[in-house]
Amino acid sequence: MIKKMYVGNLAFQSTEDDIQELFSQFGEVKSVNLITDRETGRSRGFAFVEMPESEADAAMQSLDGTSFEGRNLKVNEARPRT
């Protein structure tokens, strides 16, 4: 089963490739969706990453609170949209 994770507090210069490379240490990354501002196209500082469940659990446990590109990441399971 695929698990979707919220990745917050990203540096504004982080790219989808940077995030993919970071999470691929823990297994296969199904998708990376870096959220950008509609008007400016600039990153909003968060993304969603999809991985197989066991690999996602390992990534969340290992990466939450760690420093990436000068910022401490917040990584947890994404909540459904309301």
N, C-alpha and C. Protein backbone atom coordinates (compact mmCIF):
# COMPACT_ATOMS: atom_id res chain seq x y z
N MET A 1 0.84 -1.19 0.00
CA MET A 1 0.00 0.00 0.00
C MET A 1 0.89 1.25 0.00
N ILE A 2 0.45 2.27 -0.69
CA ILE A 2 1.19 3.53 -0.80
C ILE A 2 0.77 4.47 0.33
N LYS A 3 1.77 5.13 0.92
CA LYS A 3 1.49 6.09 1.99
C LYS A 3 1.95 7.47 1.51
N LYS A 4 1.12 8.48 1.79
CA LYS A 4 1.43 9.86 1.41
C LYS A 4 1.92 10.60 2.65
N MET A 5 3.05 11.28 2.50
CA MET A 5 3.65 12.02 3.61
C MET A 5 3.66 13.52 3.32
N TYR A 6 3.49 14.29 4.38
CA TYR A 6 3.63 15.74 4.32
C TYR A 6 5.07 16.05 4.73
N VAL A 7 5.75 16.88 3.95
CA VAL A 7 7.11 17.30 4.25
C VAL A 7 7.10 18.82 4.35
N GLY A 8 7.27 19.34 5.56
CA GLY A 8 7.19 20.78 5.77
C GLY A 8 8.51 21.40 6.18
N ASN A 9 8.52 22.73 6.19
CA ASN A 9 9.68 23.54 6.56
C ASN A 9 10.84 23.35 5.58
N LEU A 10 10.51 23.16 4.31
CA LEU A 10 11.53 23.03 3.27
C LEU A 10 12.12 24.40 2.94
N ALA A 11 13.38 24.40 2.57
CA ALA A 11 14.00 25.63 2.08
C ALA A 11 13.32 26.00 0.76
N PHE A 12 13.15 27.29 0.51
CA PHE A 12 12.43 27.73 -0.68
C PHE A 12 13.15 27.37 -1.97
N GLN A 13 14.47 27.12 -1.90
CA GLN A 13 15.21 26.75 -3.11
C GLN A 13 15.22 25.25 -3.36
N SER A 14 14.63 24.44 -2.46
CA SER A 14 14.56 22.99 -2.65
C SER A 14 13.73 22.66 -3.89
N THR A 15 14.17 21.64 -4.63
CA THR A 15 13.45 21.22 -5.83
C THR A 15 12.87 19.82 -5.61
N GLU A 16 11.98 19.41 -6.51
CA GLU A 16 11.42 18.06 -6.42
C GLU A 16 12.53 17.02 -6.52
N ASP A 17 13.56 17.29 -7.34
CA ASP A 17 14.68 16.35 -7.47
C ASP A 17 15.44 16.22 -6.15
N ASP A 18 15.65 17.34 -5.45
CA ASP A 18 16.33 17.31 -4.14
C ASP A 18 15.56 16.43 -3.16
N ILE A 19 14.26 16.61 -3.14
CA ILE A 19 13.41 15.86 -2.20
C ILE A 19 13.39 14.38 -2.59
N GLN A 20 13.29 14.10 -3.88
CA GLN A 20 13.31 12.72 -4.37
C GLN A 20 14.61 12.03 -3.94
N GLU A 21 15.73 12.72 -4.10
CA GLU A 21 17.03 12.15 -3.73
C GLU A 21 17.10 11.88 -2.23
N LEU A 22 16.59 12.79 -1.41
CA LEU A 22 16.60 12.62 0.03
C LEU A 22 15.80 11.39 0.45
N PHE A 23 14.59 11.24 -0.09
CA PHE A 23 13.71 10.15 0.32
C PHE A 23 14.08 8.81 -0.32
N SER A 24 14.79 8.83 -1.44
CA SER A 24 15.14 7.57 -2.11
C SER A 24 16.13 6.74 -1.31
N GLN A 25 16.76 7.33 -0.28
CA GLN A 25 17.64 6.56 0.61
C GLN A 25 16.85 5.47 1.33
N PHE A 26 15.54 5.67 1.47
CA PHE A 26 14.70 4.77 2.24
C PHE A 26 13.90 3.81 1.36
N GLY A 27 14.00 3.95 0.05
CA GLY A 27 13.31 3.04 -0.87
C GLY A 27 12.76 3.78 -2.07
N GLU A 28 11.81 3.13 -2.73
CA GLU A 28 11.24 3.66 -3.98
C GLU A 28 10.29 4.82 -3.70
N VAL A 29 10.55 5.94 -4.35
CA VAL A 29 9.69 7.12 -4.24
C VAL A 29 8.72 7.08 -5.42
N LYS A 30 7.42 6.97 -5.12
CA LYS A 30 6.41 6.91 -6.18
C LYS A 30 6.16 8.28 -6.80
N SER A 31 6.10 9.33 -5.94
CA SER A 31 5.88 10.67 -6.47
C SER A 31 6.32 11.73 -5.46
N VAL A 32 6.67 12.90 -5.99
CA VAL A 32 6.99 14.07 -5.19
C VAL A 32 6.19 15.22 -5.77
N ASN A 33 5.44 15.91 -4.91
CA ASN A 33 4.64 17.05 -5.36
C ASN A 33 5.01 18.26 -4.52
N LEU A 34 5.89 19.11 -5.06
CA LEU A 34 6.32 20.34 -4.38
C LEU A 34 5.25 21.40 -4.63
N ILE A 35 4.71 21.97 -3.56
CA ILE A 35 3.62 22.93 -3.68
C ILE A 35 4.21 24.33 -3.95
N THR A 36 3.68 24.98 -4.99
CA THR A 36 4.17 26.31 -5.37
C THR A 36 3.03 27.32 -5.33
N ASP A 37 3.40 28.58 -5.20
CA ASP A 37 2.43 29.67 -5.22
C ASP A 37 1.92 29.84 -6.65
N ARG A 38 0.63 29.96 -6.81
CA ARG A 38 0.04 30.08 -8.16
C ARG A 38 0.51 31.33 -8.89
N GLU A 39 0.62 32.43 -8.18
CA GLU A 39 0.94 33.70 -8.82
C GLU A 39 2.42 33.86 -9.12
N THR A 40 3.28 33.50 -8.16
CA THR A 40 4.71 33.73 -8.33
C THR A 40 5.47 32.51 -8.82
N GLY A 41 4.90 31.31 -8.62
CA GLY A 41 5.60 30.09 -9.01
C GLY A 41 6.66 29.66 -8.01
N ARG A 42 6.83 30.44 -6.94
CA ARG A 42 7.82 30.12 -5.90
C ARG A 42 7.31 29.00 -5.00
N SER A 43 8.25 28.22 -4.48
CA SER A 43 7.90 27.16 -3.54
C SER A 43 7.22 27.76 -2.31
N ARG A 44 6.24 27.03 -1.76
CA ARG A 44 5.58 27.47 -0.53
C ARG A 44 6.20 26.83 0.70
N GLY A 45 7.26 26.02 0.50
CA GLY A 45 7.99 25.46 1.63
C GLY A 45 7.47 24.12 2.12
N PHE A 46 6.61 23.47 1.33
CA PHE A 46 6.19 22.13 1.72
C PHE A 46 5.89 21.28 0.48
N ALA A 47 5.87 19.96 0.70
CA ALA A 47 5.66 19.03 -0.40
C ALA A 47 4.95 17.79 0.12
N PHE A 48 4.50 16.96 -0.82
CA PHE A 48 3.92 15.67 -0.49
C PHE A 48 4.72 14.60 -1.23
N VAL A 49 5.06 13.53 -0.51
CA VAL A 49 5.85 12.44 -1.06
C VAL A 49 5.08 11.14 -0.87
N GLU A 50 5.02 10.31 -1.91
CA GLU A 50 4.36 9.01 -1.82
C GLU A 50 5.39 7.90 -1.95
N MET A 51 5.30 6.94 -1.01
CA MET A 51 6.20 5.78 -0.99
C MET A 51 5.43 4.56 -0.48
N PRO A 52 5.95 3.36 -0.73
CA PRO A 52 5.34 2.18 -0.11
C PRO A 52 5.34 2.33 1.41
N GLU A 53 4.33 1.75 2.06
CA GLU A 53 4.07 2.00 3.48
C GLU A 53 5.26 1.76 4.41
N SER A 54 5.92 0.61 4.32
CA SER A 54 7.03 0.32 5.25
C SER A 54 8.20 1.26 5.03
N GLU A 55 8.47 1.60 3.78
CA GLU A 55 9.56 2.53 3.47
C GLU A 55 9.21 3.95 3.92
N ALA A 56 7.95 4.32 3.78
CA ALA A 56 7.50 5.64 4.22
C ALA A 56 7.62 5.77 5.73
N ASP A 57 7.26 4.70 6.46
CA ASP A 57 7.37 4.73 7.92
C ASP A 57 8.83 4.95 8.35
N ALA A 58 9.76 4.26 7.69
CA ALA A 58 11.18 4.41 7.99
C ALA A 58 11.66 5.83 7.68
N ALA A 59 11.20 6.38 6.56
CA ALA A 59 11.60 7.73 6.17
C ALA A 59 11.07 8.76 7.16
N MET A 60 9.81 8.61 7.58
CA MET A 60 9.22 9.56 8.54
C MET A 60 9.99 9.53 9.86
N GLN A 61 10.27 8.33 10.33
CA GLN A 61 10.96 8.18 11.61
C GLN A 61 12.37 8.77 11.54
N SER A 62 13.05 8.56 10.43
CA SER A 62 14.44 9.01 10.31
C SER A 62 14.59 10.49 9.99
N LEU A 63 13.68 11.02 9.16
CA LEU A 63 13.86 12.39 8.65
C LEU A 63 13.17 13.48 9.45
N ASP A 64 12.14 13.14 10.23
CA ASP A 64 11.42 14.17 11.00
C ASP A 64 12.38 14.84 11.97
N GLY A 65 12.50 16.16 11.87
CA GLY A 65 13.36 16.93 12.76
C GLY A 65 14.80 17.05 12.32
N THR A 66 15.19 16.39 11.21
CA THR A 66 16.57 16.48 10.75
C THR A 66 16.77 17.72 9.88
N SER A 67 18.00 18.15 9.78
CA SER A 67 18.34 19.33 9.00
C SER A 67 18.52 18.96 7.53
N PHE A 68 17.89 19.73 6.64
CA PHE A 68 18.02 19.55 5.20
C PHE A 68 18.08 20.92 4.57
N GLU A 69 19.19 21.21 3.88
CA GLU A 69 19.41 22.51 3.25
C GLU A 69 19.21 23.65 4.25
N GLY A 70 19.69 23.44 5.49
CA GLY A 70 19.67 24.50 6.49
C GLY A 70 18.39 24.65 7.28
N ARG A 71 17.40 23.78 7.07
CA ARG A 71 16.12 23.88 7.80
C ARG A 71 15.79 22.53 8.41
N ASN A 72 15.13 22.53 9.56
CA ASN A 72 14.71 21.30 10.21
C ASN A 72 13.38 20.84 9.64
N LEU A 73 13.39 19.67 9.02
CA LEU A 73 12.20 19.15 8.34
C LEU A 73 11.13 18.71 9.32
N LYS A 74 9.89 18.82 8.88
CA LYS A 74 8.75 18.25 9.59
C LYS A 74 8.16 17.22 8.63
N VAL A 75 8.22 15.94 9.01
CA VAL A 75 7.77 14.87 8.14
C VAL A 75 6.77 14.02 8.91
N ASN A 76 5.54 13.93 8.38
CA ASN A 76 4.54 13.06 8.99
C ASN A 76 3.54 12.60 7.93
N GLU A 77 2.63 11.72 8.34
CA GLU A 77 1.65 11.21 7.40
C GLU A 77 0.69 12.32 7.01
N ALA A 78 0.42 12.44 5.72
CA ALA A 78 -0.49 13.48 5.23
C ALA A 78 -1.92 13.17 5.66
N ARG A 79 -2.63 14.21 6.07
CA ARG A 79 -4.04 14.05 6.42
C ARG A 79 -4.88 14.28 5.18
N PRO A 80 -6.04 13.61 5.08
CA PRO A 80 -6.90 13.83 3.92
C PRO A 80 -7.41 15.27 3.87
N ARG A 81 -7.64 15.76 2.67
CA ARG A 81 -8.19 17.11 2.50
C ARG A 81 -9.59 17.16 3.06
N THR A 82 -9.94 18.31 3.64
CA THR A 82 -11.31 18.45 4.17
C THR A 82 -12.11 19.40 3.33
